[in-house]
């Protein structure tokens, strides 16, 4: 079972990427937020925009000042902070799915990596964080003592990506919410606004290029042997396929990700297979699993060997959404101007 598959179940050739340039960080501010009923000592003035109260995935927190010792528990959470120029506010990071974007690597290399996957509660607390940011719900695993309520009782504020608490499909609006609220939390709203503007501009440019192109039926293959673990209609992955000029074969699956039978894949007759690249099973191995299955031989995408690829880190709600749309559109519609 893949790392990503396991993480989600705790809840119930690649085109070049156009890199986002991280925003210049200002000096780290002292943090004195109060959240989940807990308070932390402070040593600085609040500054403009504070106190700031936000409700995130059912948890309401009032920040008196910006966080100064943040820990990001997943790659896309880390990259959101780095894209906002907040590397100097980070006390730790964890759980990469693949390589950090080259533009962020110098800042990332200065941050302590707490664990290859999720840190234990002891390791997490040992970093003395005042803010923990999870990209997946599994970052706040109650059985490991890392749930948001327990951390709050220790005086640690938390945030979960809105991809995992949005009722219904996740769209670009949720990305705007995520970036805006994180930027406000850290007292850098202008950086968030510029980042959103750049993402929107690039996505609009792709939409203009592919608007008159036929929309291929795309089967997303994350992993799976006895069943296919695929992208459903509720996650940002579905939106990426749509914005890039395709149609997700399993858009009617009312979940971010889920298992579907291979019989269903055959019935849907996808034109293209989108492979998510990450972890120990490489793209070629995934291709061969599909090509070597006699039952799939007449599926148009597999029969005609129409495969496209995205790194997993581009298919989640983070600062790579525009990268993913640009890359996938270039692969689905190579003749688009």
Foldseek 3Di string as FASTA:
>chain_A
DDPVVVLQVLLCVFDDFDDQAADAADDAAWWFWAFLNATDDTDDQADPLPQDWDAALNTITTTSHAQQEEEEQEQQSVVLCRSPNNLRSYLEYEAYFDDRPPSSVVSVVVHHHQYNHAHQPVSVVVSVGQEYEYAGCSNQRVVRQRHQNSVSVVNHHYHYQCLSRDDAADELVSLLVRLQVNCSNRVRNVSSVVLSVVLVVLLVVQCVQQVPPAAFAEWEAEDDDQWGKGAEQRFQLQNLSVSLRYHYLHPVPGDRIDTDGVVSVQVSLTQEYEYAAGDDQGPVNVLCSQLVDVVNCPSNHNVVVHYHYDHPSLRHSHSNSSRSSVRSSCSVCVPGD
